[in-house]
Amino acid sequence: MKRINLLKLNSTLAVFSILSCFSLFSLSVTGFAQEKKQFTTKNKTFAYEVSKETTADDLTAIEKEINAEKVATLHFSNVKRNEKNEIIGITTQFNDKRGSSQKKSEYNSQGIRPFAVKIHENAEGYKYLEIANSTEGLATTTATPLLNDLLSDESSDNFDFGESDMMEMMKAMQQQEELIKKMFEEKGK
């Protein structure tokens, strides 16, 4: 009888020790999850829309505002209009102090397709300029400019993916990689 009670006691202790191991594990996992720091990146994008209805005064105002930001030097040229005073031809070009440039020329006798001149600013305050397809028709707006273009309702033949987009994506990937390394290093300590 004594032996049976001892076996019951040993099995109860074994079950208790297993359960306590699980509870300690879950406490440590919960503690680790609570120690995680939340990292957020805030990107800003300012877009200036240019369409066939854009007036000469509007083009001048857009040029002045963007050039005042000192991100790049923007210039509209070869502006042609039809009898309805709609823009049917335009060349848009910018150069920045890093040597980056972009040029977009468009002609359509029915009026140009809308496009945007965008100033992007990342969380560190770095700004760059982009000439892109219109932001109208975006189903979702995200904090990442690349995702805005990917989630656009526009057809894939209108998709612009420039060097600056690729560089932004690579920077974001490097930042994510560094954060993951830091998390594993902190976990190992």
Protein backbone atom coordinates (compact mmCIF):
# COMPACT_ATOMS: atom_id res chain seq x y z
CA MET A 1 0.00 0.00 0.00
CA LYS A 2 2.84 2.27 0.86
CA ARG A 3 4.43 1.50 -2.49
CA ILE A 4 1.23 2.39 -4.40
CA ASN A 5 0.98 5.71 -2.55
CA LEU A 6 4.63 6.43 -3.37
CA LEU A 7 4.02 5.63 -7.06
CA LYS A 8 0.98 7.91 -7.09
CA LEU A 9 3.01 10.63 -5.40
CA ASN A 10 5.88 10.20 -7.90
CA SER A 11 3.52 10.30 -10.88
CA THR A 12 1.80 13.39 -9.43
CA LEU A 13 5.19 15.05 -8.96
CA ALA A 14 6.20 14.12 -12.52
CA VAL A 15 3.01 15.60 -13.95
CA PHE A 16 3.43 18.70 -11.79
CA SER A 17 7.05 19.17 -12.91
CA ILE A 18 6.08 18.77 -16.58
CA LEU A 19 3.25 21.28 -16.20
CA SER A 20 5.51 23.72 -14.39
CA CYS A 21 8.06 23.46 -17.23
CA PHE A 22 5.35 24.32 -19.74
CA SER A 23 4.10 27.20 -17.63
CA LEU A 24 7.66 28.54 -17.25
CA PHE A 25 8.15 28.22 -21.00
CA SER A 26 4.92 30.05 -21.73
CA LEU A 27 5.84 32.77 -19.22
CA SER A 28 9.25 33.25 -20.84
CA VAL A 29 7.70 33.36 -24.33
CA THR A 30 5.12 35.87 -23.14
CA GLY A 31 7.84 37.91 -21.48
CA PHE A 32 9.88 37.89 -24.68
CA ALA A 33 6.86 38.92 -26.73
CA GLN A 34 6.22 41.81 -24.38
CA GLU A 35 9.86 42.94 -24.58
CA LYS A 36 9.69 43.42 -28.34
CA LYS A 37 10.01 47.01 -29.39
CA GLN A 38 7.65 48.27 -32.00
CA PHE A 39 9.40 49.77 -35.00
CA THR A 40 7.41 51.92 -37.34
CA THR A 41 8.60 53.66 -40.44
CA LYS A 42 6.69 56.71 -41.50
CA ASN A 43 7.04 57.61 -45.14
CA LYS A 44 5.33 60.65 -46.57
CA THR A 45 4.40 61.29 -50.17
CA PHE A 46 3.19 64.58 -51.59
CA ALA A 47 1.74 64.30 -55.09
CA TYR A 48 1.04 67.07 -57.57
CA GLU A 49 -1.40 65.89 -60.23
CA VAL A 50 -0.97 66.98 -63.84
CA SER A 51 -3.80 66.26 -66.27
CA LYS A 52 -5.06 67.56 -69.58
CA GLU A 53 -7.06 70.21 -67.64
CA THR A 54 -4.02 71.61 -65.79
CA THR A 55 -3.57 75.31 -66.55
CA ALA A 56 -0.32 77.12 -67.34
CA ASP A 57 -0.58 78.87 -63.96
CA ASP A 58 -0.94 75.49 -62.22
CA LEU A 59 2.19 74.16 -63.97
CA THR A 60 4.13 77.25 -62.89
CA ALA A 61 2.89 76.88 -59.31
CA ILE A 62 3.87 73.19 -59.20
CA GLU A 63 7.35 74.04 -60.52
CA LYS A 64 7.81 76.80 -57.92
CA GLU A 65 6.60 74.68 -55.00
CA ILE A 66 8.77 71.69 -55.85
CA ASN A 67 11.83 73.79 -56.62
CA ALA A 68 11.32 75.63 -53.30
CA GLU A 69 11.57 72.27 -51.48
CA LYS A 70 15.13 71.97 -52.92
CA VAL A 71 14.66 68.27 -53.54
CA ALA A 72 15.33 68.67 -57.26
CA THR A 73 14.99 71.15 -60.09
CA LEU A 74 11.73 70.49 -61.96
CA HIS A 75 10.90 71.91 -65.36
CA PHE A 76 7.85 71.56 -67.62
CA SER A 77 8.49 72.25 -71.31
CA ASN A 78 7.08 71.70 -74.81
CA VAL A 79 3.55 72.23 -73.51
CA LYS A 80 1.11 71.96 -76.42
CA ARG A 81 -2.63 72.53 -76.16
CA ASN A 82 -5.62 71.80 -78.41
CA GLU A 83 -8.53 74.12 -79.26
CA LYS A 84 -10.23 73.16 -75.95
CA ASN A 85 -7.10 74.41 -74.13
CA GLU A 86 -6.34 70.84 -72.96
CA ILE A 87 -2.73 69.72 -72.70
CA ILE A 88 -1.99 67.33 -75.57
CA GLY A 89 1.78 67.36 -75.26
CA ILE A 90 4.20 67.98 -72.38
CA THR A 91 7.75 67.17 -71.31
CA THR A 92 8.46 66.93 -67.59
CA GLN A 93 12.04 66.69 -66.37
CA PHE A 94 13.97 66.99 -63.12
CA ASN A 95 17.58 66.79 -61.94
CA ASP A 96 18.71 66.54 -58.34
CA LYS A 97 22.02 67.33 -56.63
CA ARG A 98 22.99 63.63 -56.48
CA GLY A 99 22.90 63.46 -60.26
CA SER A 100 19.62 61.56 -60.52
CA SER A 101 17.21 62.65 -63.21
CA GLN A 102 13.98 61.59 -64.81
CA LYS A 103 12.25 62.76 -67.96
CA LYS A 104 8.74 62.04 -69.19
CA SER A 105 7.36 63.21 -72.52
CA GLU A 106 3.79 62.58 -73.49
CA TYR A 107 1.66 63.39 -76.50
CA ASN A 108 -1.96 62.47 -77.15
CA SER A 109 -4.24 64.40 -79.49
CA GLN A 110 -7.19 63.65 -77.15
CA GLY A 111 -5.33 64.99 -74.10
CA ILE A 112 -2.55 63.55 -71.98
CA ARG A 113 -3.13 60.84 -69.41
CA PRO A 114 -2.93 62.16 -65.84
CA PHE A 115 0.39 61.75 -64.06
CA ALA A 116 1.87 62.91 -60.78
CA VAL A 117 5.04 64.61 -59.67
CA LYS A 118 5.71 63.13 -56.23
CA ILE A 119 7.98 64.15 -53.38
CA HIS A 120 8.75 61.13 -51.21
CA GLU A 121 10.18 61.52 -47.69
CA ASN A 122 11.26 58.57 -45.56
CA ALA A 123 11.42 58.35 -41.76
CA GLU A 124 14.99 59.73 -41.69
CA GLY A 125 13.92 62.85 -43.59
CA TYR A 126 15.53 61.85 -46.89
CA LYS A 127 13.53 63.31 -49.80
CA TYR A 128 13.48 62.42 -53.48
CA LEU A 129 11.37 63.29 -56.49
CA GLU A 130 9.52 60.97 -58.88
CA ILE A 131 7.43 61.40 -62.00
CA ALA A 132 4.82 58.64 -61.86
CA ASN A 133 1.47 57.53 -63.18
CA SER A 134 -1.57 59.17 -61.64
CA THR A 135 -2.42 58.38 -58.04
CA GLU A 136 -6.12 58.33 -58.92
CA GLY A 137 -7.57 54.85 -58.73
CA LEU A 138 -5.48 53.69 -55.78
CA ALA A 139 -7.51 51.11 -53.96
CA THR A 140 -5.33 51.24 -50.87
CA THR A 141 -2.87 53.80 -49.59
CA THR A 142 0.06 52.44 -47.61
CA ALA A 143 3.06 53.91 -45.85
CA THR A 144 5.29 52.49 -48.56
CA PRO A 145 5.22 54.21 -51.94
CA LEU A 146 6.15 51.00 -53.74
CA LEU A 147 3.09 49.23 -52.36
CA ASN A 148 0.90 52.11 -53.50
CA ASP A 149 2.06 51.46 -57.06
CA LEU A 150 1.64 47.68 -56.69
CA LEU A 151 -1.90 48.04 -55.31
CA SER A 152 -2.96 50.46 -58.03
CA ASP A 153 -5.97 49.65 -60.22
CA GLU A 154 -4.03 50.78 -63.29
CA SER A 155 -3.06 48.20 -65.87
CA SER A 156 0.39 46.63 -65.68
CA ASP A 157 1.62 48.26 -68.90
CA ASN A 158 1.42 51.63 -67.12
CA PHE A 159 3.51 50.43 -64.16
CA ASP A 160 6.58 52.60 -63.49
CA PHE A 161 9.34 51.01 -61.43
CA GLY A 162 12.38 53.25 -61.49
CA GLU A 163 15.85 53.16 -59.98
CA SER A 164 14.75 55.21 -57.00
CA ASP A 165 11.98 52.68 -56.27
CA MET A 166 14.51 49.84 -56.36
CA MET A 167 16.88 51.73 -54.04
CA GLU A 168 14.06 52.44 -51.56
CA MET A 169 13.06 48.78 -51.57
CA MET A 170 16.68 47.67 -51.00
CA LYS A 171 17.10 50.13 -48.11
CA ALA A 172 13.91 48.86 -46.49
CA MET A 173 15.08 45.25 -46.86
CA GLN A 174 18.44 46.10 -45.26
CA GLN A 175 16.69 47.83 -42.35
CA GLN A 176 14.47 44.79 -41.82
CA GLU A 177 17.50 42.48 -41.90
CA GLU A 178 19.30 44.60 -39.28
CA LEU A 179 16.22 44.61 -37.02
CA ILE A 180 15.92 40.82 -37.25
CA LYS A 181 19.62 40.40 -36.40
CA LYS A 182 19.22 42.69 -33.37
CA MET A 183 16.20 40.70 -32.19
CA PHE A 184 18.12 37.42 -32.38
CA GLU A 185 21.14 38.95 -30.64
CA GLU A 186 18.94 40.24 -27.81
CA LYS A 187 17.21 36.88 -27.53
CA GLY A 188 20.58 35.12 -27.26
CA LYS A 189 21.72 37.31 -24.32
